[in-house]
PDB file of N, CA and C in Angstrom:
ATOM      1  N   MET A   1    -113.225  74.422 -51.432  1.00  0.00           N
ATOM      2  CA  MET A   1    -112.913  75.590 -50.142  1.00  0.00           C
ATOM      3  C   MET A   1    -111.590  76.141 -50.642  1.00  0.00           C
ATOM      4  N   SER A   2    -111.377  77.522 -50.701  1.00  0.00           N
ATOM      5  CA  SER A   2    -110.378  77.593 -50.358  1.00  0.00           C
ATOM      6  C   SER A   2    -109.463  77.739 -49.039  1.00  0.00           C
ATOM      7  N   ALA A   3    -108.373  78.007 -49.102  1.00  0.00           N
ATOM      8  CA  ALA A   3    -107.739  78.281 -47.723  1.00  0.00           C
ATOM      9  C   ALA A   3    -107.259  79.789 -47.632  1.00  0.00           C
ATOM     10  N   VAL A   4    -107.998  80.004 -46.331  1.00  0.00           N
ATOM     11  CA  VAL A   4    -107.889  80.713 -46.053  1.00  0.00           C
ATOM     12  C   VAL A   4    -106.208  81.419 -45.293  1.00  0.00           C
ATOM     13  N   ASN A   5    -105.739  82.379 -45.422  1.00  0.00           N
ATOM     14  CA  ASN A   5    -104.499  82.355 -44.676  1.00  0.00           C
ATOM     15  C   ASN A   5    -105.001  83.317 -42.887  1.00  0.00           C
ATOM     16  N   PRO A   6    -104.615  82.342 -42.602  1.00  0.00           N
ATOM     17  CA  PRO A   6    -104.263  83.751 -41.023  1.00  0.00           C
ATOM     18  C   PRO A   6    -103.323  84.474 -41.395  1.00  0.00           C
ATOM     19  N   ALA A   7    -103.647  85.600 -40.437  1.00  0.00           N
ATOM     20  CA  ALA A   7    -103.230  86.881 -39.634  1.00  0.00           C
ATOM     21  C   ALA A   7    -101.440  85.973 -38.928  1.00  0.00           C
ATOM     22  N   PRO A   8    -100.690  86.991 -39.671  1.00  0.00           N
ATOM     23  CA  PRO A   8     -99.670  87.125 -39.732  1.00  0.00           C
ATOM     24  C   PRO A   8     -99.291  87.330 -37.936  1.00  0.00           C
ATOM     25  N   GLU A   9     -98.427  85.956 -37.597  1.00  0.00           N
ATOM     26  CA  GLU A   9     -98.096  86.210 -35.517  1.00  0.00           C
ATOM     27  C   GLU A   9     -97.859  87.663 -35.507  1.00  0.00           C
ATOM     28  N   PRO A  10     -97.953  87.912 -34.329  1.00  0.00           N
ATOM     29  CA  PRO A  10     -96.841  89.335 -33.686  1.00  0.00           C
ATOM     30  C   PRO A  10     -95.072  88.583 -33.863  1.00  0.00           C
ATOM     31  N   SER A  11     -93.841  89.598 -33.773  1.00  0.00           N
ATOM     32  CA  SER A  11     -93.418  89.459 -34.299  1.00  0.00           C
ATOM     33  C   SER A  11     -92.411  89.721 -32.943  1.00  0.00           C
ATOM     34  N   THR A  12     -92.273  89.600 -31.901  1.00  0.00           N
ATOM     35  CA  THR A  12     -90.903  88.658 -31.130  1.00  0.00           C
ATOM     36  C   THR A  12     -90.114  89.752 -30.950  1.00  0.00           C
ATOM     37  N   GLU A  13     -89.031  90.095 -31.733  1.00  0.00           N
ATOM     38  CA  GLU A  13     -88.198  91.380 -32.116  1.00  0.00           C
ATOM     39  C   GLU A  13     -88.450  92.285 -31.347  1.00  0.00           C
ATOM     40  N   SER A  14     -87.912  92.481 -30.705  1.00  0.00           N
ATOM     41  CA  SER A  14     -88.080  94.238 -30.323  1.00  0.00           C
ATOM     42  C   SER A  14     -88.087  95.353 -31.650  1.00  0.00           C
ATOM     43  N   PRO A  15     -88.689  96.371 -31.878  1.00  0.00           N
ATOM     44  CA  PRO A  15     -87.893  97.209 -32.452  1.00  0.00           C
ATOM     45  C   PRO A  15     -87.149  97.842 -32.391  1.00  0.00           C
ATOM     46  N   SER A  16     -86.407  98.038 -33.219  1.00  0.00           N
ATOM     47  CA  SER A  16     -84.920  99.039 -32.974  1.00  0.00           C
ATOM     48  C   SER A  16     -85.114 100.270 -32.501  1.00  0.00           C
ATOM     49  N   LEU A  17     -84.586 100.459 -32.178  1.00  0.00           N
ATOM     50  CA  LEU A  17     -84.645 102.243 -31.277  1.00  0.00           C
ATOM     51  C   LEU A  17     -83.221 102.425 -32.294  1.00  0.00           C
ATOM     52  N   PRO A  18     -83.812 104.525 -32.145  1.00  0.00           N
ATOM     53  CA  PRO A  18     -82.230 105.283 -32.731  1.00  0.00           C
ATOM     54  C   PRO A  18     -81.679 105.535 -31.500  1.00  0.00           C
ATOM     55  N   ALA A  19     -79.921 105.436 -32.786  1.00  0.00           N
ATOM     56  CA  ALA A  19     -79.491 105.141 -31.801  1.00  0.00           C
ATOM     57  C   ALA A  19     -80.029 106.407 -31.262  1.00  0.00           C
ATOM     58  N   ALA A  20     -79.190 106.663 -29.645  1.00  0.00           N
ATOM     59  CA  ALA A  20     -78.781 108.391 -28.684  1.00  0.00           C
ATOM     60  C   ALA A  20     -77.177 109.060 -29.640  1.00  0.00           C
ATOM     61  N   PRO A  21     -78.618 110.439 -29.929  1.00  0.00           N
ATOM     62  CA  PRO A  21     -76.862 110.851 -30.860  1.00  0.00           C
ATOM     63  C   PRO A  21     -75.540 111.670 -30.284  1.00  0.00           C
ATOM     64  N   ARG A  22     -75.109 111.019 -29.964  1.00  0.00           N
ATOM     65  CA  ARG A  22     -73.743 111.710 -30.010  1.00  0.00           C
ATOM     66  C   ARG A  22     -73.338 113.081 -29.391  1.00  0.00           C
ATOM     67  N   ALA A  23     -72.810 113.520 -28.316  1.00  0.00           N
ATOM     68  CA  ALA A  23     -72.236 114.893 -28.494  1.00  0.00           C
ATOM     69  C   ALA A  23     -70.872 115.422 -29.469  1.00  0.00           C
ATOM     70  N   GLY A  24     -71.119 115.765 -29.957  1.00  0.00           N
ATOM     71  CA  GLY A  24     -69.642 116.608 -31.118  1.00  0.00           C
ATOM     72  C   GLY A  24     -69.181 117.226 -30.632  1.00  0.00           C
ATOM     73  N   ALA A  25     -68.618 117.704 -31.789  1.00  0.00           N
ATOM     74  CA  ALA A  25     -68.080 119.806 -31.425  1.00  0.00           C
ATOM     75  C   ALA A  25     -69.561 120.009 -31.161  1.00  0.00           C
ATOM     76  N   THR A  26     -70.820 120.418 -32.181  1.00  0.00           N
ATOM     77  CA  THR A  26     -71.322 121.146 -31.741  1.00  0.00           C
ATOM     78  C   THR A  26     -72.108 121.633 -30.480  1.00  0.00           C
ATOM     79  N   GLU A  27     -71.960 120.037 -29.626  1.00  0.00           N
ATOM     80  CA  GLU A  27     -72.683 120.482 -28.684  1.00  0.00           C
ATOM     81  C   GLU A  27     -71.851 120.802 -27.459  1.00  0.00           C
ATOM     82  N   LYS A  28     -70.028 120.234 -27.697  1.00  0.00           N
ATOM     83  CA  LYS A  28     -69.493 120.695 -26.829  1.00  0.00           C
ATOM     84  C   LYS A  28     -69.780 122.541 -26.448  1.00  0.00           C
ATOM     85  N   THR A  29     -69.277 122.935 -27.908  1.00  0.00           N
ATOM     86  CA  THR A  29     -69.271 124.122 -27.975  1.00  0.00           C
ATOM     87  C   THR A  29     -70.522 125.218 -27.462  1.00  0.00           C
ATOM     88  N   ARG A  30     -71.146 124.556 -27.764  1.00  0.00           N
ATOM     89  CA  ARG A  30     -72.539 125.054 -27.363  1.00  0.00           C
ATOM     90  C   ARG A  30     -72.812 125.473 -25.914  1.00  0.00           C
ATOM     91  N   ALA A  31     -72.419 123.855 -24.930  1.00  0.00           N
ATOM     92  CA  ALA A  31     -72.333 123.776 -23.615  1.00  0.00           C
ATOM     93  C   ALA A  31     -71.401 124.540 -22.537  1.00  0.00           C
ATOM     94  N   LYS A  32     -70.600 124.686 -23.321  1.00  0.00           N
ATOM     95  CA  LYS A  32     -68.991 125.929 -23.685  1.00  0.00           C
ATOM     96  C   LYS A  32     -69.212 127.080 -23.526  1.00  0.00           C
ATOM     97  N   ALA A  33     -69.892 127.789 -23.853  1.00  0.00           N
ATOM     98  CA  ALA A  33     -70.792 129.189 -24.885  1.00  0.00           C
ATOM     99  C   ALA A  33     -71.760 128.874 -23.358  1.00  0.00           C
ATOM    100  N   ARG A  34     -72.825 128.278 -23.048  1.00  0.00           N
ATOM    101  CA  ARG A  34     -73.789 128.454 -21.857  1.00  0.00           C
ATOM    102  C   ARG A  34     -73.287 128.503 -20.689  1.00  0.00           C
ATOM    103  N   VAL A  35     -72.354 127.760 -20.524  1.00  0.00           N
ATOM    104  CA  VAL A  35     -71.269 128.208 -18.713  1.00  0.00           C
ATOM    105  C   VAL A  35     -70.047 129.742 -18.967  1.00  0.00           C
ATOM    106  N   THR A  36     -69.597 129.840 -20.305  1.00  0.00           N
ATOM    107  CA  THR A  36     -69.390 130.895 -20.454  1.00  0.00           C
ATOM    108  C   THR A  36     -70.296 132.796 -20.249  1.00  0.00           C
ATOM    109  N   ALA A  37     -71.777 132.079 -21.183  1.00  0.00           N
ATOM    110  CA  ALA A  37     -71.832 132.947 -20.716  1.00  0.00           C
ATOM    111  C   ALA A  37     -72.683 133.284 -19.435  1.00  0.00           C
ATOM    112  N   GLY A  38     -71.842 132.684 -18.578  1.00  0.00           N
ATOM    113  CA  GLY A  38     -72.820 132.348 -16.825  1.00  0.00           C
ATOM    114  C   GLY A  38     -71.394 132.893 -16.301  1.00  0.00           C
ATOM    115  N   ALA A  39     -70.098 133.296 -16.326  1.00  0.00           N
ATOM    116  CA  ALA A  39     -69.562 133.607 -16.183  1.00  0.00           C
ATOM    117  C   ALA A  39     -69.321 135.294 -15.618  1.00  0.00           C
ATOM    118  N   PRO A  40     -69.923 135.745 -16.415  1.00  0.00           N
ATOM    119  CA  PRO A  40     -69.374 136.728 -15.418  1.00  0.00           C
ATOM    120  C   PRO A  40     -70.843 137.279 -13.904  1.00  0.00           C
ATOM    121  N   ASP A  41     -72.053 136.505 -13.610  1.00  0.00           N
ATOM    122  CA  ASP A  41     -72.598 136.449 -13.388  1.00  0.00           C
ATOM    123  C   ASP A  41     -72.212 135.781 -11.901  1.00  0.00           C
ATOM    124  N   LEU A  42     -71.963 133.542 -12.325  1.00  0.00           N
ATOM    125  CA  LEU A  42     -70.842 134.000 -11.445  1.00  0.00           C
ATOM    126  C   LEU A  42     -69.560 134.275 -10.398  1.00  0.00           C
ATOM    127  N   LEU A  43     -69.475 135.455 -11.504  1.00  0.00           N
ATOM    128  CA  LEU A  43     -67.778 136.236 -10.319  1.00  0.00           C
ATOM    129  C   LEU A  43     -68.269 136.830  -9.523  1.00  0.00           C
ATOM    130  N   LYS A  44     -69.298 137.541  -9.779  1.00  0.00           N
ATOM    131  CA  LYS A  44     -69.875 138.306  -9.346  1.00  0.00           C
ATOM    132  C   LYS A  44     -70.261 138.220  -7.930  1.00  0.00           C
ATOM    133  N   ALA A  45     -71.017 136.828  -7.933  1.00  0.00           N
ATOM    134  CA  ALA A  45     -71.492 135.674  -6.997  1.00  0.00           C
ATOM    135  C   ALA A  45     -69.962 136.040  -6.206  1.00  0.00           C
ATOM    136  N   LEU A  46     -68.787 134.536  -6.769  1.00  0.00           N
ATOM    137  CA  LEU A  46     -67.997 134.438  -5.592  1.00  0.00           C
ATOM    138  C   LEU A  46     -67.382 135.679  -4.715  1.00  0.00           C
ATOM    139  N   VAL A  47     -67.341 136.696  -5.965  1.00  0.00           N
ATOM    140  CA  VAL A  47     -66.477 138.616  -5.306  1.00  0.00           C
ATOM    141  C   VAL A  47     -67.225 138.477  -4.241  1.00  0.00           C
ATOM    142  N   GLU A  48     -68.030 138.221  -4.229  1.00  0.00           N
ATOM    143  CA  GLU A  48     -69.181 138.206  -2.881  1.00  0.00           C
ATOM    144  C   GLU A  48     -68.982 138.222  -1.383  1.00  0.00           C
ATOM    145  N   ALA A  49     -69.783 136.651  -1.590  1.00  0.00           N
ATOM    146  CA  ALA A  49     -68.879 135.640  -0.697  1.00  0.00           C
ATOM    147  C   ALA A  49     -67.724 135.508  -0.971  1.00  0.00           C
ATOM    148  N   GLU A  50     -66.439 136.391  -1.022  1.00  0.00           N
ATOM    149  CA  GLU A  50     -65.359 136.342  -0.561  1.00  0.00           C
ATOM    150  C   GLU A  50     -65.895 137.615   0.681  1.00  0.00           C
ATOM    151  N   ARG A  51     -65.463 139.108   0.259  1.00  0.00           N
ATOM    152  CA  ARG A  51     -66.525 139.560   0.766  1.00  0.00           C
ATOM    153  C   ARG A  51     -66.334 139.640   1.922  1.00  0.00           C
ATOM    154  N   PHE A  52     -66.707 138.694   1.634  1.00  0.00           N
ATOM    155  CA  PHE A  52     -67.677 137.820   3.757  1.00  0.00           C
ATOM    156  C   PHE A  52     -66.413 137.465   4.546  1.00  0.00           C
ATOM    157  N   PHE A  53     -65.487 137.316   4.238  1.00  0.00           N
ATOM    158  CA  PHE A  53     -63.947 137.282   5.227  1.00  0.00           C
ATOM    159  C   PHE A  53     -62.850 137.799   5.363  1.00  0.00           C
ATOM    160  N   ASP A  54     -64.049 139.806   4.570  1.00  0.00           N
ATOM    161  CA  ASP A  54     -62.708 140.632   4.459  1.00  0.00           C
ATOM    162  C   ASP A  54     -62.312 140.696   6.458  1.00  0.00           C
ATOM    163  N   GLY A  55     -61.415 140.559   7.486  1.00  0.00           N
ATOM    164  CA  GLY A  55     -61.903 141.379   8.313  1.00  0.00           C
ATOM    165  C   GLY A  55     -62.104 139.999   9.160  1.00  0.00           C
ATOM    166  N   SER A  56     -62.147 139.056   8.658  1.00  0.00           N
ATOM    167  CA  SER A  56     -63.138 138.110   9.469  1.00  0.00           C
ATOM    168  C   SER A  56     -62.162 136.990  10.153  1.00  0.00           C
ATOM    169  N   ASP A  57     -63.051 136.315  11.247  1.00  0.00           N
ATOM    170  CA  ASP A  57     -61.974 135.061  11.450  1.00  0.00           C
ATOM    171  C   ASP A  57     -61.477 134.479  11.562  1.00  0.00           C
ATOM    172  N   ASP A  58     -62.493 134.380  10.140  1.00  0.00           N
ATOM    173  CA  ASP A  58     -62.226 132.777   8.958  1.00  0.00           C
ATOM    174  C   ASP A  58     -61.502 133.224   8.112  1.00  0.00           C
ATOM    175  N   HIS A  59     -60.910 134.134   7.196  1.00  0.00           N
ATOM    176  CA  HIS A  59     -60.398 134.815   7.123  1.00  0.00           C
ATOM    177  C   HIS A  59     -59.001 133.531   6.245  1.00  0.00           C
ATOM    178  N   GLY A  60     -58.552 132.756   5.328  1.00  0.00           N
ATOM    179  CA  GLY A  60     -57.625 131.330   4.932  1.00  0.00           C
ATOM    180  C   GLY A  60     -57.719 130.667   5.201  1.00  0.00           C
ATOM    181  N   CYS A  61     -59.787 130.454   6.316  1.00  0.00           N
ATOM    182  CA  CYS A  61     -59.480 129.422   5.857  1.00  0.00           C
ATOM    183  C   CYS A  61     -60.413 128.334   4.402  1.00  0.00           C
ATOM    184  N   SER A  62     -60.111 126.995   5.165  1.00  0.00           N
ATOM    185  CA  SER A  62     -60.346 126.544   3.676  1.00  0.00           C
ATOM    186  C   SER A  62     -60.785 127.033   3.117  1.00  0.00           C
ATOM    187  N   LEU A  63     -62.780 127.287   3.193  1.00  0.00           N
ATOM    188  CA  LEU A  63     -63.626 127.052   2.479  1.00  0.00           C
ATOM    189  C   LEU A  63     -63.601 128.964   1.864  1.00  0.00           C
ATOM    190  N   HIS A  64     -62.678 129.399   2.164  1.00  0.00           N
ATOM    191  CA  HIS A  64     -62.308 130.961   1.762  1.00  0.00           C
ATOM    192  C   HIS A  64     -61.707 130.920   0.007  1.00  0.00           C
ATOM    193  N   ARG A  65     -60.336 129.737   0.650  1.00  0.00           N
ATOM    194  CA  ARG A  65     -58.850 129.413   0.440  1.00  0.00           C
ATOM    195  C   ARG A  65     -60.119 128.554  -1.844  1.00  0.00           C
ATOM    196  N   LYS A  66     -61.493 127.546  -1.120  1.00  0.00           N
ATOM    197  CA  LYS A  66     -61.075 126.852  -2.498  1.00  0.00           C
ATOM    198  C   LYS A  66     -62.616 128.017  -2.591  1.00  0.00           C
ATOM    199  N   ILE A  67     -62.930 129.984  -2.331  1.00  0.00           N
ATOM    200  CA  ILE A  67     -63.146 130.489  -3.573  1.00  0.00           C
ATOM    201  C   ILE A  67     -62.596 130.732  -3.953  1.00  0.00           C
ATOM    202  N   LEU A  68     -61.549 131.629  -3.741  1.00  0.00           N
ATOM    203  CA  LEU A  68     -60.465 132.546  -4.022  1.00  0.00           C
ATOM    204  C   LEU A  68     -59.761 131.311  -5.170  1.00  0.00           C
ATOM    205  N   ALA A  69     -60.005 130.352  -4.999  1.00  0.00           N
ATOM    206  CA  ALA A  69     -59.399 129.316  -6.334  1.00  0.00           C
ATOM    207  C   ALA A  69     -60.850 129.216  -7.882  1.00  0.00           C
ATOM    208  N   ALA A  70     -61.901 128.678  -6.710  1.00  0.00           N
ATOM    209  CA  ALA A  70     -63.366 129.814  -8.059  1.00  0.00           C
ATOM    210  C   ALA A  70     -62.899 130.378  -8.169  1.00  0.00           C
ATOM    211  N   ILE A  71     -62.354 131.666  -7.963  1.00  0.00           N
ATOM    212  CA  ILE A  71     -62.309 132.756  -8.313  1.00  0.00           C
ATOM    213  C   ILE A  71     -61.267 133.549  -9.665  1.00  0.00           C
ATOM    214  N   ASP A  72     -59.704 132.171  -9.367  1.00  0.00           N
ATOM    215  CA  ASP A  72     -59.304 132.005 -10.629  1.00  0.00           C
ATOM    216  C   ASP A  72     -60.133 131.461 -10.708  1.00  0.00           C
ATOM    217  N   THR A  73     -60.237 130.532 -12.087  1.00  0.00           N
ATOM    218  CA  THR A  73     -60.984 129.412 -12.424  1.00  0.00           C
ATOM    219  C   THR A  73     -61.818 130.470 -13.310  1.00  0.00           C
ATOM    220  N   VAL A  74     -62.687 131.089 -12.575  1.00  0.00           N
ATOM    221  CA  VAL A  74     -63.050 131.819 -13.802  1.00  0.00           C
ATOM    222  C   VAL A  74     -62.840 132.795 -13.775  1.00  0.00           C
ATOM    223  N   LYS A  75     -62.192 134.380 -13.753  1.00  0.00           N
ATOM    224  CA  LYS A  75     -61.641 134.654 -14.360  1.00  0.00           C
ATOM    225  C   LYS A  75     -60.733 134.896 -16.092  1.00  0.00           C
ATOM    226  N   GLY A  76     -59.663 133.118 -15.157  1.00  0.00           N
ATOM    227  CA  GLY A  76     -59.266 132.389 -16.442  1.00  0.00           C
ATOM    228  C   GLY A  76     -59.627 131.387 -17.612  1.00  0.00           C
ATOM    229  N   GLY A  77     -60.924 131.356 -17.500  1.00  0.00           N
ATOM    230  CA  GLY A  77     -62.285 130.424 -18.511  1.00  0.00           C
ATOM    231  C   GLY A  77     -63.561 131.694 -19.739  1.00  0.00           C
ATOM    232  N   ALA A  78     -63.558 133.514 -18.574  1.00  0.00           N
ATOM    233  CA  ALA A  78     -63.826 133.704 -18.942  1.00  0.00           C
ATOM    234  C   ALA A  78     -62.787 134.424 -20.418  1.00  0.00           C
ATOM    235  N   ALA A  79     -61.496 134.744 -20.081  1.00  0.00           N
ATOM    236  CA  ALA A  79     -60.444 135.966 -20.550  1.00  0.00           C
ATOM    237  C   ALA A  79     -60.283 135.062 -22.028  1.00  0.00           C
TER     238      ALA A  79
END
């Protein structure tokens, strides 16, 4: 009789997974473009929120100062 080759045993090693792509220059540029593209809408919303404080007793409070800082940041980033 001839010897029958048994089926190969399954491997106990995990199959190697492909490495996750790293954020390169292209991805960072796209992310910055998305943020910059939304800047006019964000600026509009911040200016509208800032108008709430005009003539208010809360003018100059910490939230108002944060809104003003955010407006400056968005204007600086969009320029």
